[in-house]
C-alpha atoms as a PDB file:
ATOM      1  CA  MET A   1     -12.271  -7.345   4.076  1.00  0.00           C
ATOM      2  CA  SER A   2     -13.455  -3.909   5.064  1.00  0.00           C
ATOM      3  CA  ASN A   3     -12.742  -0.500   3.575  1.00  0.00           C
ATOM      4  CA  THR A   4     -10.912   0.538   6.740  1.00  0.00           C
ATOM      5  CA  PRO A   5      -8.329  -2.105   7.654  1.00  0.00           C
ATOM      6  CA  THR A   6      -8.013  -1.062  11.306  1.00  0.00           C
ATOM      7  CA  ALA A   7      -5.559  -3.835  12.201  1.00  0.00           C
ATOM      8  CA  LEU A   8      -2.960  -2.420   9.807  1.00  0.00           C
ATOM      9  CA  ASN A   9      -0.461   0.365  10.360  1.00  0.00           C
ATOM     10  CA  VAL A  10       0.683   2.986   7.840  1.00  0.00           C
ATOM     11  CA  SER A  11       3.680   0.946   6.710  1.00  0.00           C
ATOM     12  CA  GLU A  12       1.560  -2.135   6.080  1.00  0.00           C
ATOM     13  CA  LEU A  13      -1.048  -0.129   4.183  1.00  0.00           C
ATOM     14  CA  ALA A  14       1.725   1.448   2.089  1.00  0.00           C
ATOM     15  CA  GLN A  15       3.180  -1.981   1.326  1.00  0.00           C
ATOM     16  CA  LEU A  16      -0.227  -3.172   0.181  1.00  0.00           C
ATOM     17  CA  LEU A  17      -0.651  -0.108  -2.020  1.00  0.00           C
ATOM     18  CA  PHE A  18       2.878  -0.543  -3.370  1.00  0.00           C
ATOM     19  CA  ALA A  19       1.956  -4.091  -4.417  1.00  0.00           C
ATOM     20  CA  THR A  20      -1.088  -2.972  -6.445  1.00  0.00           C
ATOM     21  CA  ARG A  21      -1.187  -2.039 -10.108  1.00  0.00           C
ATOM     22  CA  LEU A  22      -2.170   1.545  -9.311  1.00  0.00           C
ATOM     23  CA  GLN A  23       0.267   4.175 -10.511  1.00  0.00           C
ATOM     24  CA  ALA A  24       0.817   7.669  -9.166  1.00  0.00           C
ATOM     25  CA  SER A  25       0.515   8.992 -12.719  1.00  0.00           C
ATOM     26  CA  GLU A  26      -3.075   7.705 -12.829  1.00  0.00           C
ATOM     27  CA  ARG A  27      -3.960  10.001  -9.933  1.00  0.00           C
ATOM     28  CA  PRO A  28      -6.257   7.377  -8.379  1.00  0.00           C
ATOM     29  CA  THR A  29      -9.140   8.493  -6.206  1.00  0.00           C
ATOM     30  CA  SER A  30      -9.378   7.656  -2.517  1.00  0.00           C
ATOM     31  CA  GLU A  31     -12.028   5.077  -3.333  1.00  0.00           C
ATOM     32  CA  GLN A  32      -9.782   3.424  -5.931  1.00  0.00           C
ATOM     33  CA  ILE A  33      -6.910   3.350  -3.463  1.00  0.00           C
ATOM     34  CA  ARG A  34      -8.997   1.828  -0.679  1.00  0.00           C
ATOM     35  CA  ALA A  35     -10.418  -0.751  -3.069  1.00  0.00           C
ATOM     36  CA  ALA A  36      -6.969  -1.650  -4.421  1.00  0.00           C
ATOM     37  CA  ILE A  37      -5.566  -2.071  -0.897  1.00  0.00           C
ATOM     38  CA  ASP A  38      -8.528  -4.206   0.091  1.00  0.00           C
ATOM     39  CA  GLU A  39      -8.195  -6.348  -3.056  1.00  0.00           C
ATOM     40  CA  ARG A  40      -4.442  -6.802  -2.525  1.00  0.00           C
ATOM     41  CA  LEU A  41      -4.958  -7.861   1.084  1.00  0.00           C
ATOM     42  CA  CYS A  42      -7.599 -10.362  -0.016  1.00  0.00           C
ATOM     43  CA  ALA A  43      -5.299 -11.650  -2.780  1.00  0.00           C
ATOM     44  CA  CYS A  44      -2.620 -12.260  -0.142  1.00  0.00           C
ATOM     45  CA  GLY A  45      -5.149 -14.181   1.922  1.00  0.00           C
ATOM     46  CA  GLY A  46      -4.781 -11.583   4.646  1.00  0.00           C
ATOM     47  CA  ASP A  47      -1.108 -12.560   5.025  1.00  0.00           C
ATOM     48  CA  ARG A  48       0.775  -9.294   5.404  1.00  0.00           C
ATOM     49  CA  ALA A  49       4.118 -11.126   5.373  1.00  0.00           C
ATOM     50  CA  SER A  50       3.586 -12.326   1.798  1.00  0.00           C
ATOM     51  CA  CYS A  51       2.884  -8.765   0.721  1.00  0.00           C
ATOM     52  CA  ALA A  52       5.998  -7.549   2.538  1.00  0.00           C
ATOM     53  CA  ALA A  53       8.006 -10.250   0.768  1.00  0.00           C
ATOM     54  CA  PHE A  54       6.714  -9.023  -2.595  1.00  0.00           C
ATOM     55  CA  VAL A  55       7.721  -5.452  -1.756  1.00  0.00           C
ATOM     56  CA  ALA A  56      11.186  -6.623  -0.682  1.00  0.00           C
ATOM     57  CA  GLN A  57      11.590  -8.558  -3.925  1.00  0.00           C
ATOM     58  CA  GLU A  58      10.596  -5.495  -5.945  1.00  0.00           C
ATOM     59  CA  ALA A  59      13.056  -3.363  -3.986  1.00  0.00           C
ATOM     60  CA  GLY A  60      15.824  -5.786  -4.869  1.00  0.00           C
ATOM     61  CA  ASP A  61      14.794  -6.157  -8.506  1.00  0.00           C
ATOM     62  CA  HIS A  62      14.118  -2.468  -9.169  1.00  0.00           C
ATOM     63  CA  PRO A  63      15.976  -0.368  -6.599  1.00  0.00           C
ATOM     64  CA  GLU A  64      15.914   2.661  -8.888  1.00  0.00           C
ATOM     65  CA  ALA A  65      12.104   2.761  -8.796  1.00  0.00           C
ATOM     66  CA  TYR A  66      11.505   1.444  -5.288  1.00  0.00           C
ATOM     67  CA  ALA A  67      12.130   4.626  -3.276  1.00  0.00           C
ATOM     68  CA  ALA A  68       9.913   6.868  -5.398  1.00  0.00           C
ATOM     69  CA  ARG A  69       7.046   4.353  -5.432  1.00  0.00           C
ATOM     70  CA  MET A  70       7.264   3.736  -1.679  1.00  0.00           C
ATOM     71  CA  ARG A  71       7.310   7.503  -0.979  1.00  0.00           C
ATOM     72  CA  TRP A  72       4.185   7.809  -3.121  1.00  0.00           C
ATOM     73  CA  ALA A  73       2.545   4.873  -1.324  1.00  0.00           C
ATOM     74  CA  LEU A  74       3.311   6.273   2.136  1.00  0.00           C
ATOM     75  CA  ARG A  75       2.158   9.787   1.220  1.00  0.00           C
ATOM     76  CA  THR A  76      -0.988   8.444  -0.418  1.00  0.00           C
ATOM     77  CA  VAL A  77      -1.914   6.198   2.499  1.00  0.00           C
ATOM     78  CA  THR A  78      -1.562   9.039   4.999  1.00  0.00           C
ATOM     79  CA  ASP A  79      -3.808  11.173   2.768  1.00  0.00           C
ATOM     80  CA  VAL A  80      -6.439   8.468   2.287  1.00  0.00           C
ATOM     81  CA  TYR A  81      -6.369   7.207   5.897  1.00  0.00           C
ATOM     82  CA  PRO A  82      -5.666  10.445   7.821  1.00  0.00           C
ATOM     83  CA  GLY A  83      -6.270   8.854  11.235  1.00  0.00           C
ATOM     84  CA  TYR A  84      -3.331   6.553  10.655  1.00  0.00           C
ATOM     85  CA  ALA A  85      -0.758   9.341  10.268  1.00  0.00           C
ATOM     86  CA  ALA A  86      -0.215   9.563  14.020  1.00  0.00           C
ATOM     87  CA  ALA A  87       0.361   5.798  14.246  1.00  0.00           C
ATOM     88  CA  VAL A  88       3.606   5.886  12.261  1.00  0.00           C
END
């Protein structure tokens, strides 16, 4: 996988970030975020649907935490991949 997953949109990148172990409280660097997204995509075998299924499961299991984490993931992805912001 590459450091710039050009075939992915902002929502998909945010879902991948959501599914990582990174936490907003850790204040991860851009490099850590890109690496975590890349690792998560590789762990899913490049299958974005399996990552989306994980996010959906988490939303159902932990609805109280889902919205805040997804807002963080979306905001973070648009900061780290600024060229993707217009693609939303």
